[in-house]
Structure formats: C-alpha cells, structure tokens
Amino acid sequence: VVDNTVVAPDRGIQIVDTRGSEVSANESTGSAVGFDVIDATGNTFTGNRSVGSDFSAFSITNADGNVFEANEVDSSHFGFVVTSSSGNTFDTNAVSRGFGWFSFGFQERSDGNIVTSNQVSGGGLAFKVYIGSARNTFSDNAASYAAKGVSIDSGCVGNVVERNTITG
C-alpha cells in the first residue's frame, strides 16, 4: 500500500491480517482512525501521514513485530494507540498538535515494544503505559509542550525509560 491519499470519515487505511507488507508514503485526512492495523505481523509502516483524526492516527490492535518509522501525526486526538500488541518498533515518528489524552499509549498487555527517537509536540501525555503492559522501552525520545511526559500505571512492570528529553 504505497502513495495513496485518503479523505474518509471512518477509517483511512485499514490493514487487517497481513504479513510482511509495506505501507508507505500514504496520507489520511479527517478520518476517525487514520491507519487501522489489526492482526497484522511483520509489516513496515514508513513515511505515512495522518492529519485531523477524530480518534487516533494509528490504532494498532493484536499486531506484533511491526515497524513504524518516520510517520507523521498532526492534529489528532491520539497519536498511536497500541492494544494487545507486542514486539513493535516505533522509531523517528513525529506527533504534533495532539488534543487528546496521550501521543503514544500502550494498553492491555502490550509488551516488549521499543519506542525510540520519536518527537512529540503538544497534547496531554507524551507516553502512557497502562492496563498491564510490560517490558516496553522508551529511549532517546523528545517531548515538548506536552502536559505530562511519561506515565506508567501500577501493575505495568519492567518498563524502561531512559535518555528522553521532556520540556514544558
């Protein structure tokens, strides 16, 4: 799925039960969910852009071992919502002008994800870990003008937060 422009009220681009696909250089504008990733494994998402999503720019559910790199989120309620998904890498993504609870959120046993070298500007929480998610690594990220930097709920064990820069 390469080089598409989608203006849609519900889902911009939906990737369901796929393996080893490339999703790159796409733009989703005004969708409830810009990129909806469900039951997908080993895919690469690079250089995509989501603008003005009412819910989330990237909704990732039951999706393991994917790479999200150099994607851009602008003016969305949530940036990346990761649910029951493990072993994914989030590298050099940019989330700006968010107006929701968090820019990157990991929930419902989303374990072993790597979040590195991402940029967050504005919004509520930059990074949120909750509902039993464990062993995620957040390193070398930068967040500015976010209400809060990192929040990890009780019961979320073994998460590593290192070398991040968070400024108000």
C-alpha atoms as a PDB file:
ATOM      1  CA  VAL A   1       0.000   0.000   0.000  1.00  0.00           C
ATOM      2  CA  VAL A   2       2.057   2.889  -1.287  1.00  0.00           C
ATOM      3  CA  ASP A   3       1.456   6.553  -2.129  1.00  0.00           C
ATOM      4  CA  ASN A   4      -2.283   6.932  -1.551  1.00  0.00           C
ATOM      5  CA  THR A   5      -4.306   9.913  -0.358  1.00  0.00           C
ATOM      6  CA  VAL A   6      -7.482   9.124   1.557  1.00  0.00           C
ATOM      7  CA  VAL A   7     -10.112  11.532   2.874  1.00  0.00           C
ATOM      8  CA  ALA A   8     -12.601   9.399   4.765  1.00  0.00           C
ATOM      9  CA  PRO A   9     -14.990   9.797   7.687  1.00  0.00           C
ATOM     10  CA  ASP A  10     -14.306   6.397   9.334  1.00  0.00           C
ATOM     11  CA  ARG A  11     -11.064   4.512   8.569  1.00  0.00           C
ATOM     12  CA  GLY A  12      -8.417   5.976   6.307  1.00  0.00           C
ATOM     13  CA  ILE A  13      -6.320   2.887   5.564  1.00  0.00           C
ATOM     14  CA  GLN A  14      -7.074  -0.420   7.259  1.00  0.00           C
ATOM     15  CA  ILE A  15      -4.513  -3.225   7.348  1.00  0.00           C
ATOM     16  CA  VAL A  16      -6.082  -6.499   8.567  1.00  0.00           C
ATOM     17  CA  ASP A  17      -4.458  -9.933   8.934  1.00  0.00           C
ATOM     18  CA  THR A  18      -1.463  -9.079   6.763  1.00  0.00           C
ATOM     19  CA  ARG A  19       2.128 -10.306   6.940  1.00  0.00           C
ATOM     20  CA  GLY A  20       5.272  -8.701   5.564  1.00  0.00           C
ATOM     21  CA  SER A  21       3.634  -5.774   3.753  1.00  0.00           C
ATOM     22  CA  GLU A  22       4.984  -2.296   3.118  1.00  0.00           C
ATOM     23  CA  VAL A  23       2.701   0.628   3.929  1.00  0.00           C
ATOM     24  CA  SER A  24       4.447   3.851   2.946  1.00  0.00           C
ATOM     25  CA  ALA A  25       4.001   7.408   1.709  1.00  0.00           C
ATOM     26  CA  ASN A  26       0.237   7.414   2.353  1.00  0.00           C
ATOM     27  CA  GLU A  27      -1.843  10.278   3.755  1.00  0.00           C
ATOM     28  CA  SER A  28      -5.112  10.013   5.652  1.00  0.00           C
ATOM     29  CA  THR A  29      -7.043  13.202   6.386  1.00  0.00           C
ATOM     30  CA  GLY A  30     -10.121  13.681   8.558  1.00  0.00           C
ATOM     31  CA  SER A  31     -10.715  10.024   9.388  1.00  0.00           C
ATOM     32  CA  ALA A  32     -11.820   8.741  12.787  1.00  0.00           C
ATOM     33  CA  VAL A  33      -8.786   6.444  12.568  1.00  0.00           C
ATOM     34  CA  GLY A  34      -6.064   7.317  10.066  1.00  0.00           C
ATOM     35  CA  PHE A  35      -4.352   3.913   9.954  1.00  0.00           C
ATOM     36  CA  ASP A  36      -6.134   0.932  11.496  1.00  0.00           C
ATOM     37  CA  VAL A  37      -3.779  -2.043  11.991  1.00  0.00           C
ATOM     38  CA  ILE A  38      -5.464  -5.266  13.173  1.00  0.00           C
ATOM     39  CA  ASP A  39      -3.988  -8.782  13.492  1.00  0.00           C
ATOM     40  CA  ALA A  40      -1.021  -7.741  11.367  1.00  0.00           C
ATOM     41  CA  THR A  41       2.505  -9.107  11.815  1.00  0.00           C
ATOM     42  CA  GLY A  42       5.897  -8.140  10.417  1.00  0.00           C
ATOM     43  CA  ASN A  43       4.751  -5.147   8.365  1.00  0.00           C
ATOM     44  CA  THR A  44       6.631  -1.891   7.807  1.00  0.00           C
ATOM     45  CA  PHE A  45       4.901   1.498   8.038  1.00  0.00           C
ATOM     46  CA  THR A  46       7.158   4.343   6.838  1.00  0.00           C
ATOM     47  CA  GLY A  47       6.644   7.933   5.797  1.00  0.00           C
ATOM     48  CA  ASN A  48       2.876   7.941   6.291  1.00  0.00           C
ATOM     49  CA  ARG A  49       0.922  10.999   7.435  1.00  0.00           C
ATOM     50  CA  SER A  50      -2.325  11.268   9.398  1.00  0.00           C
ATOM     51  CA  VAL A  51      -3.996  14.660   9.784  1.00  0.00           C
ATOM     52  CA  GLY A  52      -7.023  15.531  11.896  1.00  0.00           C
ATOM     53  CA  SER A  53      -8.078  12.083  13.121  1.00  0.00           C
ATOM     54  CA  ASP A  54     -11.023  12.280  15.500  1.00  0.00           C
ATOM     55  CA  PHE A  55      -9.883   9.212  17.461  1.00  0.00           C
ATOM     56  CA  SER A  56      -6.357   8.033  16.651  1.00  0.00           C
ATOM     57  CA  ALA A  57      -3.884   8.489  13.874  1.00  0.00           C
ATOM     58  CA  PHE A  58      -2.640   4.893  14.286  1.00  0.00           C
ATOM     59  CA  SER A  59      -4.780   2.266  16.024  1.00  0.00           C
ATOM     60  CA  ILE A  60      -2.737  -0.918  16.476  1.00  0.00           C
ATOM     61  CA  THR A  61      -4.572  -3.982  17.824  1.00  0.00           C
ATOM     62  CA  ASN A  62      -3.303  -7.570  18.145  1.00  0.00           C
ATOM     63  CA  ALA A  63      -0.431  -6.626  15.870  1.00  0.00           C
ATOM     64  CA  ASP A  64       3.067  -7.927  16.641  1.00  0.00           C
ATOM     65  CA  GLY A  65       6.549  -7.353  15.239  1.00  0.00           C
ATOM     66  CA  ASN A  66       5.729  -4.361  13.044  1.00  0.00           C
ATOM     67  CA  VAL A  67       7.953  -1.344  12.387  1.00  0.00           C
ATOM     68  CA  PHE A  68       6.528   2.194  12.464  1.00  0.00           C
ATOM     69  CA  GLU A  69       9.186   4.588  11.232  1.00  0.00           C
ATOM     70  CA  ALA A  70       9.236   8.242  10.140  1.00  0.00           C
ATOM     71  CA  ASN A  71       5.459   8.627  10.244  1.00  0.00           C
ATOM     72  CA  GLU A  72       3.824  11.995  10.955  1.00  0.00           C
ATOM     73  CA  VAL A  73       0.735  12.700  13.042  1.00  0.00           C
ATOM     74  CA  ASP A  74      -0.778  16.191  13.029  1.00  0.00           C
ATOM     75  CA  SER A  75      -3.810  17.435  14.969  1.00  0.00           C
ATOM     76  CA  SER A  76      -5.226  14.092  16.054  1.00  0.00           C
ATOM     77  CA  HIS A  77      -6.960  13.154  19.296  1.00  0.00           C
ATOM     78  CA  PHE A  78      -4.479  10.328  19.967  1.00  0.00           C
ATOM     79  CA  GLY A  79      -1.264   9.579  18.095  1.00  0.00           C
ATOM     80  CA  PHE A  80      -0.501   5.853  18.441  1.00  0.00           C
ATOM     81  CA  VAL A  81      -2.951   3.648  20.399  1.00  0.00           C
ATOM     82  CA  VAL A  82      -1.350   0.229  20.915  1.00  0.00           C
ATOM     83  CA  THR A  83      -3.629  -2.516  22.265  1.00  0.00           C
ATOM     84  CA  SER A  84      -2.610  -6.130  22.968  1.00  0.00           C
ATOM     85  CA  SER A  85       0.344  -5.764  20.600  1.00  0.00           C
ATOM     86  CA  SER A  86       3.940  -6.770  21.279  1.00  0.00           C
ATOM     87  CA  GLY A  87       7.422  -6.545  19.802  1.00  0.00           C
ATOM     88  CA  ASN A  88       6.752  -3.499  17.638  1.00  0.00           C
ATOM     89  CA  THR A  89       9.283  -0.743  16.967  1.00  0.00           C
ATOM     90  CA  PHE A  90       8.345   2.947  16.877  1.00  0.00           C
ATOM     91  CA  ASP A  91      11.287   4.964  15.553  1.00  0.00           C
ATOM     92  CA  THR A  92      11.624   8.599  14.428  1.00  0.00           C
ATOM     93  CA  ASN A  93       7.882   9.301  14.286  1.00  0.00           C
ATOM     94  CA  ALA A  94       6.541  12.826  14.913  1.00  0.00           C
ATOM     95  CA  VAL A  95       3.316  13.646  16.742  1.00  0.00           C
ATOM     96  CA  SER A  96       2.293  17.314  16.857  1.00  0.00           C
ATOM     97  CA  ARG A  97      -0.675  19.390  17.982  1.00  0.00           C
ATOM     98  CA  GLY A  98      -2.413  16.460  19.646  1.00  0.00           C
ATOM     99  CA  PHE A  99      -5.513  17.298  21.646  1.00  0.00           C
ATOM    100  CA  GLY A 100      -6.167  14.000  23.446  1.00  0.00           C
ATOM    101  CA  TRP A 101      -5.029  12.109  26.497  1.00  0.00           C
ATOM    102  CA  PHE A 102      -1.719  10.815  25.057  1.00  0.00           C
ATOM    103  CA  SER A 103       0.503  10.754  21.976  1.00  0.00           C
ATOM    104  CA  PHE A 104       1.770   7.167  22.446  1.00  0.00           C
ATOM    105  CA  GLY A 105      -0.358   4.804  24.548  1.00  0.00           C
ATOM    106  CA  PHE A 106       0.290   1.124  25.336  1.00  0.00           C
ATOM    107  CA  GLN A 107      -2.538  -0.879  26.914  1.00  0.00           C
ATOM    108  CA  GLU A 108      -3.929  -4.351  27.582  1.00  0.00           C
ATOM    109  CA  ARG A 109      -0.700  -6.300  27.788  1.00  0.00           C
ATOM    110  CA  SER A 110       1.190  -4.580  25.010  1.00  0.00           C
ATOM    111  CA  ASP A 111       4.639  -5.910  25.867  1.00  0.00           C
ATOM    112  CA  GLY A 112       8.206  -5.613  24.613  1.00  0.00           C
ATOM    113  CA  ASN A 113       7.690  -2.651  22.297  1.00  0.00           C
ATOM    114  CA  ILE A 114      10.591  -0.313  21.517  1.00  0.00           C
ATOM    115  CA  VAL A 115       9.862   3.428  21.338  1.00  0.00           C
ATOM    116  CA  THR A 116      12.936   5.402  20.314  1.00  0.00           C
ATOM    117  CA  SER A 117      13.914   8.743  18.773  1.00  0.00           C
ATOM    118  CA  ASN A 118      10.330   9.994  18.400  1.00  0.00           C
ATOM    119  CA  GLN A 119       9.252  13.654  18.634  1.00  0.00           C
ATOM    120  CA  VAL A 120       6.112  14.788  20.469  1.00  0.00           C
ATOM    121  CA  SER A 121       4.943  18.403  20.482  1.00  0.00           C
ATOM    122  CA  GLY A 122       1.815  19.403  22.396  1.00  0.00           C
ATOM    123  CA  GLY A 123      -1.047  17.338  23.726  1.00  0.00           C
ATOM    124  CA  GLY A 124      -1.702  15.644  27.064  1.00  0.00           C
ATOM    125  CA  LEU A 125       0.704  12.851  27.987  1.00  0.00           C
ATOM    126  CA  ALA A 126       3.602  12.145  25.677  1.00  0.00           C
ATOM    127  CA  PHE A 127       3.852   8.440  26.663  1.00  0.00           C
ATOM    128  CA  LYS A 128       1.296   6.356  28.603  1.00  0.00           C
ATOM    129  CA  VAL A 129       1.616   2.706  29.734  1.00  0.00           C
ATOM    130  CA  TYR A 130      -1.402   1.118  31.388  1.00  0.00           C
ATOM    131  CA  ILE A 131      -3.636  -1.941  31.836  1.00  0.00           C
ATOM    132  CA  GLY A 132      -0.855  -4.468  32.426  1.00  0.00           C
ATOM    133  CA  SER A 133       1.590  -3.559  29.659  1.00  0.00           C
ATOM    134  CA  ALA A 134       5.166  -4.578  30.484  1.00  0.00           C
ATOM    135  CA  ARG A 135       8.789  -4.589  29.355  1.00  0.00           C
ATOM    136  CA  ASN A 136       8.474  -1.694  26.891  1.00  0.00           C
ATOM    137  CA  THR A 137      11.491   0.532  26.278  1.00  0.00           C
ATOM    138  CA  PHE A 138      11.241   4.307  25.819  1.00  0.00           C
ATOM    139  CA  SER A 139      14.598   5.838  24.903  1.00  0.00           C
ATOM    140  CA  ASP A 140      16.028   8.934  23.243  1.00  0.00           C
ATOM    141  CA  ASN A 141      12.594  10.491  22.627  1.00  0.00           C
ATOM    142  CA  ALA A 142      11.853  14.218  22.849  1.00  0.00           C
ATOM    143  CA  ALA A 143       8.618  15.777  24.061  1.00  0.00           C
ATOM    144  CA  SER A 144       7.854  19.480  24.255  1.00  0.00           C
ATOM    145  CA  TYR A 145       4.744  21.413  25.251  1.00  0.00           C
ATOM    146  CA  ALA A 146       3.008  18.227  26.441  1.00  0.00           C
ATOM    147  CA  ALA A 147       1.039  18.464  29.704  1.00  0.00           C
ATOM    148  CA  LYS A 148       2.986  15.474  31.089  1.00  0.00           C
ATOM    149  CA  GLY A 149       5.938  13.410  29.930  1.00  0.00           C
ATOM    150  CA  VAL A 150       5.642   9.740  30.896  1.00  0.00           C
ATOM    151  CA  SER A 151       3.014   7.909  32.957  1.00  0.00           C
ATOM    152  CA  ILE A 152       3.264   4.220  33.874  1.00  0.00           C
ATOM    153  CA  ASP A 153       0.405   2.742  35.912  1.00  0.00           C
ATOM    154  CA  SER A 154       0.856   0.272  38.743  1.00  0.00           C
ATOM    155  CA  GLY A 155       0.961  -3.324  37.581  1.00  0.00           C
ATOM    156  CA  CYS A 156       2.918  -2.366  34.459  1.00  0.00           C
ATOM    157  CA  VAL A 157       6.296  -3.915  35.281  1.00  0.00           C
ATOM    158  CA  GLY A 158       9.737  -3.927  33.703  1.00  0.00           C
ATOM    159  CA  ASN A 159       9.285  -0.866  31.507  1.00  0.00           C
ATOM    160  CA  VAL A 160      12.489   1.076  30.803  1.00  0.00           C
ATOM    161  CA  VAL A 161      12.511   4.854  30.427  1.00  0.00           C
ATOM    162  CA  GLU A 162      15.944   6.303  29.605  1.00  0.00           C
ATOM    163  CA  ARG A 163      17.644   9.267  27.923  1.00  0.00           C
ATOM    164  CA  ASN A 164      14.396  11.065  26.997  1.00  0.00           C
ATOM    165  CA  THR A 165      14.153  14.869  26.913  1.00  0.00           C
ATOM    166  CA  ILE A 166      10.881  16.337  28.121  1.00  0.00           C
ATOM    167  CA  THR A 167      10.377  20.099  28.291  1.00  0.00           C
ATOM    168  CA  GLY A 168       7.352  22.274  29.095  1.00  0.00           C
END
